Amino acid sequence: MRSGSNISIDFKTPNDFEALYKSTSEQLFNIIFKQIRDRSITEGLVQDIYLRLWERRFEIQLTVPIQHYLNRAAKLAALNYLKTNHRRNIYLNQLRLDQARGDNVTEKTIFFRDLKNRIHAITDQLPPKCRTVFVMSRDEGLNTRTISQRLSIAEKTVEAHLTKALKAIRSSIERKV
């Protein structure tokens, strides 16, 4: 049955296949386990190697000893598992990041909308001229000089209205937080 370190078994019959399994499975387990470090996964990979061997037993034409073939199959099984598992982990991590970003974006959008509504409610309570200056500055994006020219008031007056509006907004928001 053994010739040196190589095993020469005709693995095409059930009895011979079982003898091959008994004499080589432990070595395949060790080869795979060194890479995977998980007993149940390693056992499954070893079983898959023997299952494929049994299913293809009449097709396989070996030019090397069966032990070399099985050792190579074990190394490839471990590498394929690690590669697939690595890709799966990358994909899962990306999904988690996307989900976290998505949740965060939604949360921020809701917070922003709520804050914007609160600011509008506060500015609606401001005196008319103060509200107009604030809206022109923040909503329309106009600078102090342009607001001053459009409303025919001094730039210092525009600044005073903005200061008053911002103080009112800040104090109202701080009270509600």
Protein backbone atom coordinates (compact mmCIF):
# COMPACT_ATOMS: atom_id res chain seq x y z
CA MET A 1 0.00 0.00 0.00
CA ARG A 2 2.80 2.48 0.82
CA SER A 3 5.76 3.12 -1.41
CA GLY A 4 8.25 5.30 0.50
CA SER A 5 6.43 8.40 1.68
CA ASN A 6 3.93 8.19 -1.16
CA ILE A 7 0.71 6.30 -0.88
CA SER A 8 -0.32 4.31 -3.92
CA ILE A 9 -3.99 3.47 -3.61
CA ASP A 10 -6.50 2.98 -6.34
CA PHE A 11 -9.24 5.19 -4.89
CA LYS A 12 -11.98 4.23 -7.36
CA THR A 13 -13.66 1.57 -5.19
CA PRO A 14 -15.39 2.37 -1.88
CA ASN A 15 -13.01 0.24 0.20
CA ASP A 16 -9.91 1.71 -1.40
CA PHE A 17 -11.32 5.21 -1.10
CA GLU A 18 -11.98 4.66 2.61
CA ALA A 19 -8.42 3.40 3.07
CA LEU A 20 -7.12 6.52 1.29
CA TYR A 21 -9.28 8.72 3.52
CA LYS A 22 -8.07 7.04 6.71
CA SER A 23 -4.42 7.31 5.71
CA THR A 24 -4.44 10.91 4.42
CA SER A 25 -7.24 12.91 6.05
CA GLU A 26 -5.28 13.84 9.17
CA GLN A 27 -2.47 15.33 7.12
CA LEU A 28 -4.93 17.34 5.01
CA PHE A 29 -6.61 18.55 8.18
CA ASN A 30 -3.25 19.77 9.54
CA ILE A 31 -2.36 21.55 6.29
CA ILE A 32 -5.65 23.43 6.22
CA PHE A 33 -5.86 24.05 9.97
CA LYS A 34 -2.47 25.82 9.96
CA GLN A 35 -4.02 28.44 7.68
CA ILE A 36 -7.63 28.61 8.83
CA ARG A 37 -7.37 28.03 12.61
CA ASP A 38 -10.99 26.89 12.83
CA ARG A 39 -11.73 23.20 13.41
CA SER A 40 -15.23 23.06 11.95
CA ILE A 41 -14.32 25.00 8.80
CA THR A 42 -11.19 22.89 8.37
CA GLU A 43 -13.22 19.68 8.72
CA GLY A 44 -15.69 20.93 6.14
CA LEU A 45 -12.92 21.80 3.68
CA VAL A 46 -11.32 18.37 4.14
CA GLN A 47 -14.69 16.71 3.51
CA ASP A 48 -15.17 18.83 0.38
CA ILE A 49 -11.78 17.69 -0.98
CA TYR A 50 -12.69 14.03 -0.55
CA LEU A 51 -16.19 14.56 -1.89
CA ARG A 52 -14.82 16.16 -5.09
CA LEU A 53 -12.24 13.39 -5.37
CA TRP A 54 -14.95 10.72 -5.08
CA GLU A 55 -17.22 12.48 -7.58
CA ARG A 56 -14.37 12.80 -10.11
CA ARG A 57 -12.64 9.49 -9.35
CA PHE A 58 -13.13 8.14 -12.89
CA GLU A 59 -12.07 11.40 -14.58
CA ILE A 60 -8.87 12.09 -12.67
CA GLN A 61 -5.69 10.90 -14.34
CA LEU A 62 -2.87 11.49 -11.87
CA THR A 63 0.71 12.03 -12.97
CA VAL A 64 1.86 12.57 -9.39
CA PRO A 65 1.31 10.47 -6.27
CA ILE A 66 -2.17 10.88 -4.76
CA GLN A 67 -0.66 12.38 -1.59
CA HIS A 68 0.85 15.24 -3.61
CA TYR A 69 -2.48 15.78 -5.32
CA LEU A 70 -4.34 15.87 -2.00
CA ASN A 71 -1.77 18.13 -0.31
CA ARG A 72 -2.07 20.58 -3.19
CA ALA A 73 -5.87 20.40 -3.01
CA ALA A 74 -5.70 21.15 0.74
CA LYS A 75 -3.46 24.18 0.24
CA LEU A 76 -5.71 25.51 -2.52
CA ALA A 77 -8.84 24.90 -0.43
CA ALA A 78 -7.35 26.89 2.45
CA LEU A 79 -6.25 29.73 0.16
CA ASN A 80 -9.61 29.87 -1.60
CA TYR A 81 -11.41 29.94 1.72
CA LEU A 82 -9.19 32.74 3.04
CA LYS A 83 -9.60 34.74 -0.17
CA THR A 84 -13.37 34.32 -0.21
CA ASN A 85 -13.65 35.04 3.51
CA HIS A 86 -11.45 38.12 3.14
CA ARG A 87 -13.62 39.45 0.30
CA ARG A 88 -16.75 38.71 2.33
CA ASN A 89 -15.33 40.61 5.32
CA ILE A 90 -14.41 43.58 3.12
CA TYR A 91 -17.91 43.58 1.66
CA LEU A 92 -19.55 43.32 5.09
CA ASN A 93 -17.37 46.10 6.49
CA GLN A 94 -18.26 48.30 3.53
CA LEU A 95 -21.94 47.55 4.08
CA ARG A 96 -21.62 48.49 7.75
CA LEU A 97 -19.84 51.74 6.87
CA ASP A 98 -22.43 52.59 4.22
CA GLN A 99 -25.23 51.84 6.64
CA ALA A 100 -23.62 53.92 9.39
CA ARG A 101 -23.10 56.79 6.98
CA GLY A 102 -26.66 56.45 5.74
CA ASP A 103 -28.06 56.45 9.24
CA ASN A 104 -25.85 59.37 10.16
CA VAL A 105 -26.90 61.34 7.07
CA THR A 106 -30.56 60.74 7.81
CA GLU A 107 -30.08 61.75 11.42
CA LYS A 108 -28.19 64.88 10.40
CA THR A 109 -30.82 65.77 7.80
CA ILE A 110 -33.59 65.49 10.37
CA PHE A 111 -31.60 67.51 12.90
CA PHE A 112 -30.83 70.17 10.26
CA ARG A 113 -34.49 70.44 9.22
CA ASP A 114 -35.59 70.72 12.84
CA LEU A 115 -32.98 73.40 13.57
CA LYS A 116 -33.92 75.32 10.43
CA ASN A 117 -37.61 75.25 11.42
CA ARG A 118 -36.76 76.46 14.92
CA ILE A 119 -34.67 79.31 13.50
CA HIS A 120 -37.50 80.34 11.17
CA ALA A 121 -39.95 80.31 14.08
CA ILE A 122 -37.58 82.52 16.10
CA THR A 123 -36.93 84.94 13.24
CA ASP A 124 -40.67 85.27 12.66
CA GLN A 125 -40.88 86.78 16.16
CA LEU A 126 -38.16 89.38 15.47
CA PRO A 127 -39.08 93.02 14.75
CA PRO A 128 -39.78 93.50 10.99
CA LYS A 129 -36.58 95.42 10.10
CA CYS A 130 -34.39 93.03 12.12
CA ARG A 131 -36.05 90.00 10.44
CA THR A 132 -35.59 91.54 6.96
CA VAL A 133 -31.87 92.16 7.60
CA PHE A 134 -31.38 88.61 8.91
CA VAL A 135 -33.20 87.01 5.97
CA MET A 136 -31.22 89.10 3.47
CA SER A 137 -27.98 88.13 5.17
CA ARG A 138 -28.53 84.42 5.83
CA ASP A 139 -31.10 83.26 3.27
CA GLU A 140 -30.11 85.48 0.35
CA GLY A 141 -26.41 85.53 1.21
CA LEU A 142 -26.01 89.30 0.93
CA ASN A 143 -23.18 91.11 2.67
CA THR A 144 -23.54 94.03 5.07
CA ARG A 145 -22.77 96.70 2.47
CA THR A 146 -25.38 95.40 -0.02
CA ILE A 147 -28.07 95.16 2.67
CA SER A 148 -27.19 98.67 3.80
CA GLN A 149 -27.58 100.02 0.26
CA ARG A 150 -30.82 98.16 -0.48
CA LEU A 151 -32.52 99.21 2.76
CA SER A 152 -30.94 102.68 2.82
CA ILE A 153 -29.59 102.23 6.34
CA ALA A 154 -26.08 102.48 7.78
CA GLU A 155 -23.83 99.41 7.78
CA LYS A 156 -23.55 99.70 11.57
CA THR A 157 -27.35 99.47 11.78
CA VAL A 158 -27.29 96.31 9.63
CA GLU A 159 -24.64 94.85 11.96
CA ALA A 160 -26.72 95.78 15.02
CA HIS A 161 -29.82 94.05 13.54
CA LEU A 162 -27.77 90.92 12.75
CA THR A 163 -26.28 90.88 16.25
CA LYS A 164 -29.77 91.22 17.77
CA ALA A 165 -31.16 88.42 15.57
CA LEU A 166 -28.27 86.06 16.30
CA LYS A 167 -28.50 86.71 20.05
CA ALA A 168 -32.23 85.98 19.99
CA ILE A 169 -31.68 82.76 18.02
CA ARG A 170 -28.77 81.60 20.18
CA SER A 171 -30.58 82.24 23.47
CA SER A 172 -33.76 80.55 22.27
CA ILE A 173 -31.90 77.47 21.05
CA GLU A 174 -29.80 77.23 24.22
CA ARG A 175 -32.97 77.31 26.34
CA LYS A 176 -34.50 74.41 24.38
CA VAL A 177 -31.34 72.26 24.42
